[in-house]
Amino acid sequence: MTAAGSQPKAETTVEDTVVQVRDQKGDWTDYARTTRAQALAAIAAGTLPGHTAPEPLRAVDWISKEEIAMTTKTTAQAETSAITAPEAAAKIGTDPKQFRRFLRSDASPIDAVGQGARYALDPKDLPKLKREFQKWQAEVEAKRAARAEAKAAEAADEDTDDEADEKPAPKPKSETKITKTEKTIADAKARLAAAHAEGRHPSGKVPSCPECEKPKTDS
């Protein structure tokens, strides 16, 4: 029992406080439910467990939602001046997804953060980030264009090979010429033979006429 006139000992292990963090839209979002002491310690530090960048935090009562404490301008000074990766991407003129790829690449002058962590970028670094991002993007696009060109050239070579396989081999020119000559001679002899049979030859022996060249027999 509690002695008369004395106050009960405060319970410090009750998780009756919620730590909230401000999202990119400016709304407060519940991050964790913890004890009053741990919540106040997080607010004083200005950072979430496992994070290094200062963030806007506040502690509220779990039941009443009444605000208990919030990061001061001193502890949140770095956060108020820093910008997020999506904000930096908008200022540079690209989309957040492409900008995060750049930040994870070796071309980025900023160290990549761990999975689940958020970037807190100094606005003063934006000019350098923009220059390095544009160089990186130009190299990425050049590599992409080279791959596309190589793929198109490979496809064109395959089409050429297929056409070569389907096209029949041309006949030798000498063979074609001989065939035409023989046909012309045969046609001429046939005309002469017909003229001889019809008596349409001029007087005398006609060269190349098969009938004229036949030896005559005595009757």
Protein backbone atom coordinates (compact mmCIF):
# COMPACT_ATOMS: atom_id res chain seq x y z
CA MET A 1 0.00 0.00 0.00
CA THR A 2 1.04 3.59 -0.50
CA ALA A 3 1.81 5.61 2.64
CA ALA A 4 -0.53 8.49 3.41
CA GLY A 5 0.53 11.75 1.86
CA SER A 6 3.00 10.09 -0.56
CA GLN A 7 2.67 10.00 -4.37
CA PRO A 8 2.59 6.71 -6.32
CA LYS A 9 5.75 5.91 -8.25
CA ALA A 10 5.45 6.88 -11.90
CA GLU A 11 5.23 3.95 -14.25
CA THR A 12 8.00 4.33 -16.85
CA THR A 13 7.49 1.11 -18.78
CA VAL A 14 4.00 1.83 -20.06
CA GLU A 15 3.97 2.43 -23.82
CA ASP A 16 1.53 5.30 -23.75
CA THR A 17 3.23 7.61 -26.25
CA VAL A 18 3.30 7.58 -30.04
CA VAL A 19 6.21 8.96 -32.03
CA GLN A 20 5.11 10.52 -35.29
CA VAL A 21 7.09 11.60 -38.36
CA ARG A 22 6.08 14.16 -40.95
CA ASP A 23 5.72 12.67 -44.45
CA GLN A 24 6.49 14.34 -47.77
CA LYS A 25 2.99 15.81 -47.93
CA GLY A 26 3.43 17.46 -44.54
CA ASP A 27 1.08 15.11 -42.67
CA TRP A 28 2.00 13.48 -39.37
CA THR A 29 2.18 9.69 -39.52
CA ASP A 30 2.47 7.27 -36.62
CA TYR A 31 5.91 5.70 -36.56
CA ALA A 32 6.07 3.76 -33.28
CA ARG A 33 4.33 3.39 -29.95
CA THR A 34 6.76 3.53 -27.05
CA THR A 35 7.27 4.79 -23.52
CA ARG A 36 7.18 8.48 -22.67
CA ALA A 37 10.91 8.49 -21.87
CA GLN A 38 11.92 6.80 -25.12
CA ALA A 39 9.69 9.10 -27.15
CA LEU A 40 11.18 12.20 -25.56
CA ALA A 41 14.67 10.84 -26.18
CA ALA A 42 13.90 10.39 -29.87
CA ILE A 43 12.48 13.90 -30.06
CA ALA A 44 15.57 15.31 -28.39
CA ALA A 45 17.84 13.45 -30.82
CA GLY A 46 15.72 14.48 -33.81
CA THR A 47 16.31 11.15 -35.56
CA LEU A 48 14.52 7.83 -35.82
CA PRO A 49 16.20 4.60 -34.69
CA GLY A 50 18.57 3.40 -37.40
CA HIS A 51 18.46 6.73 -39.25
CA THR A 52 21.18 9.35 -39.33
CA ALA A 53 19.43 12.24 -41.06
CA PRO A 54 17.43 14.56 -38.78
CA GLU A 55 13.68 14.41 -39.36
CA PRO A 56 10.66 16.36 -38.09
CA LEU A 57 9.30 14.31 -35.19
CA ARG A 58 6.73 14.78 -32.49
CA ALA A 59 5.39 12.77 -29.57
CA VAL A 60 1.66 12.55 -28.81
CA ASP A 61 -0.32 10.87 -26.10
CA TRP A 62 -1.58 7.51 -27.27
CA ILE A 63 -5.08 8.03 -25.87
CA SER A 64 -5.80 11.74 -26.19
CA LYS A 65 -3.51 12.40 -29.18
CA GLU A 66 -2.38 15.53 -27.37
CA GLU A 67 1.01 16.77 -28.48
CA ILE A 68 3.68 16.25 -25.83
CA ALA A 69 6.84 17.37 -27.60
CA MET A 70 8.15 18.15 -31.07
CA THR A 71 11.58 18.62 -32.57
CA THR A 72 12.73 22.18 -32.12
CA LYS A 73 14.20 24.37 -34.81
CA THR A 74 17.65 23.64 -33.40
CA THR A 75 17.41 19.86 -33.69
CA ALA A 76 15.51 20.06 -36.98
CA GLN A 77 17.70 22.71 -38.53
CA ALA A 78 19.43 20.29 -40.86
CA GLU A 79 16.10 18.77 -41.86
CA THR A 80 14.43 22.06 -42.65
CA SER A 81 17.25 22.99 -45.04
CA ALA A 82 17.60 19.52 -46.57
CA ILE A 83 15.43 18.25 -49.41
CA THR A 84 14.34 14.74 -50.33
CA ALA A 85 15.34 12.81 -53.45
CA PRO A 86 11.95 13.39 -55.17
CA GLU A 87 12.25 17.11 -54.46
CA ALA A 88 15.77 17.20 -55.86
CA ALA A 89 14.65 15.23 -58.94
CA ALA A 90 11.92 17.80 -59.62
CA LYS A 91 14.41 20.67 -59.34
CA ILE A 92 16.88 18.91 -61.65
CA GLY A 93 14.18 18.07 -64.19
CA THR A 94 13.87 14.30 -64.05
CA ASP A 95 11.66 11.68 -62.46
CA PRO A 96 12.39 10.33 -58.96
CA LYS A 97 12.94 6.75 -60.14
CA GLN A 98 15.65 7.74 -62.62
CA PHE A 99 17.25 10.06 -60.08
CA ARG A 100 17.45 7.30 -57.46
CA ARG A 101 19.19 5.07 -60.02
CA PHE A 102 21.76 7.81 -60.46
CA LEU A 103 22.22 8.18 -56.70
CA ARG A 104 22.90 4.43 -56.44
CA SER A 105 25.42 4.52 -59.30
CA ASP A 106 29.17 5.12 -59.06
CA ALA A 107 28.69 8.46 -60.83
CA SER A 108 26.83 9.97 -57.87
CA PRO A 109 28.85 12.28 -55.62
CA ILE A 110 26.46 11.40 -52.77
CA ASP A 111 26.86 8.20 -50.78
CA ALA A 112 23.94 5.85 -51.27
CA VAL A 113 21.71 5.29 -48.24
CA GLY A 114 20.68 1.90 -47.00
CA GLN A 115 17.48 0.16 -47.96
CA GLY A 116 14.47 1.87 -46.41
CA ALA A 117 16.39 5.02 -45.55
CA ARG A 118 15.66 8.39 -47.11
CA TYR A 119 17.99 10.91 -48.66
CA ALA A 120 18.44 14.32 -47.01
CA LEU A 121 20.17 16.38 -49.69
CA ASP A 122 21.70 19.78 -49.25
CA PRO A 123 20.23 22.27 -51.77
CA LYS A 124 23.74 23.68 -52.23
CA ASP A 125 24.72 20.37 -53.85
CA LEU A 126 22.02 20.63 -56.54
CA PRO A 127 24.21 22.30 -59.22
CA LYS A 128 26.87 19.58 -58.90
CA LEU A 129 24.24 16.86 -58.74
CA LYS A 130 22.62 18.21 -61.90
CA ARG A 131 25.91 18.25 -63.82
CA GLU A 132 26.85 14.75 -62.76
CA PHE A 133 23.34 13.47 -63.44
CA GLN A 134 23.36 14.89 -66.97
CA LYS A 135 26.72 13.24 -67.69
CA TRP A 136 25.48 9.93 -66.30
CA GLN A 137 22.23 10.14 -68.27
CA ALA A 138 24.10 10.89 -71.52
CA GLU A 139 26.28 7.82 -70.98
CA VAL A 140 23.26 5.64 -70.22
CA GLU A 141 21.46 6.81 -73.36
CA ALA A 142 24.59 6.32 -75.49
CA LYS A 143 24.97 2.74 -74.24
CA ARG A 144 21.27 2.10 -74.87
CA ALA A 145 21.54 3.45 -78.43
CA ALA A 146 24.64 1.33 -79.10
CA ARG A 147 22.85 -1.80 -77.91
CA ALA A 148 19.84 -1.00 -80.11
CA GLU A 149 22.08 -0.39 -83.14
CA ALA A 150 23.97 -3.64 -82.59
CA LYS A 151 20.69 -5.54 -82.23
CA ALA A 152 19.33 -4.01 -85.47
CA ALA A 153 22.54 -4.86 -87.34
CA GLU A 154 22.36 -8.45 -86.09
CA ALA A 155 18.74 -8.74 -87.23
CA ALA A 156 19.65 -7.34 -90.66
CA ASP A 157 22.47 -9.90 -91.04
CA GLU A 158 20.06 -12.72 -90.22
CA ASP A 159 17.56 -11.47 -92.84
CA THR A 160 20.32 -11.30 -95.47
CA ASP A 161 21.41 -14.85 -94.70
CA ASP A 162 17.82 -16.09 -95.03
CA GLU A 163 17.38 -14.39 -98.41
CA ALA A 164 20.65 -15.86 -99.66
CA ASP A 165 19.52 -19.35 -98.65
CA GLU A 166 16.17 -19.02 -100.46
CA LYS A 167 17.47 -17.45 -103.72
CA PRO A 168 18.41 -20.09 -106.39
CA ALA A 169 21.90 -20.01 -107.78
CA PRO A 170 22.10 -18.26 -111.21
CA LYS A 171 22.98 -20.35 -114.27
CA PRO A 172 26.43 -19.85 -115.78
CA LYS A 173 26.39 -17.22 -118.52
CA SER A 174 28.19 -19.49 -120.96
CA GLU A 175 25.55 -22.19 -120.55
CA THR A 176 22.71 -19.72 -121.16
CA LYS A 177 24.38 -18.29 -124.26
CA ILE A 178 24.98 -21.73 -125.81
CA THR A 179 21.38 -22.76 -125.27
CA LYS A 180 20.02 -19.65 -127.00
CA THR A 181 22.41 -20.03 -129.95
CA GLU A 182 21.46 -23.64 -130.52
CA LYS A 183 17.78 -22.78 -130.46
CA THR A 184 18.28 -19.96 -132.98
CA ILE A 185 20.14 -22.25 -135.37
CA ALA A 186 17.49 -24.95 -135.05
CA ASP A 187 14.70 -22.44 -135.78
CA ALA A 188 16.55 -21.14 -138.87
CA LYS A 189 17.06 -24.64 -140.27
CA ALA A 190 13.41 -25.45 -139.74
CA ARG A 191 12.38 -22.35 -141.72
CA LEU A 192 14.76 -23.21 -144.57
CA ALA A 193 13.49 -26.77 -144.72
CA ALA A 194 9.90 -25.57 -144.95
CA ALA A 195 10.81 -23.08 -147.72
CA HIS A 196 12.61 -25.84 -149.65
CA ALA A 197 9.61 -28.14 -149.44
CA GLU A 198 7.34 -25.40 -150.74
CA GLY A 199 9.71 -24.50 -153.55
CA ARG A 200 10.32 -21.03 -152.18
CA HIS A 201 14.10 -21.27 -152.40
CA PRO A 202 15.87 -18.95 -154.78
CA SER A 203 17.78 -20.62 -157.57
CA GLY A 204 20.80 -22.53 -156.60
CA LYS A 205 21.79 -24.23 -153.42
CA VAL A 206 20.96 -22.42 -150.23
CA PRO A 207 23.62 -22.78 -147.50
CA SER A 208 22.49 -24.26 -144.21
CA CYS A 209 19.31 -25.71 -145.74
CA PRO A 210 19.04 -29.32 -144.61
CA GLU A 211 17.28 -30.35 -147.82
CA CYS A 212 19.78 -28.64 -150.11
CA GLU A 213 22.66 -30.29 -148.34
CA LYS A 214 21.26 -33.78 -148.89
CA PRO A 215 23.11 -35.62 -151.68
CA LYS A 216 21.04 -36.02 -154.85
CA THR A 217 20.35 -39.56 -156.15
CA ASP A 218 20.02 -40.52 -159.80
CA SER A 219 16.52 -41.51 -160.77
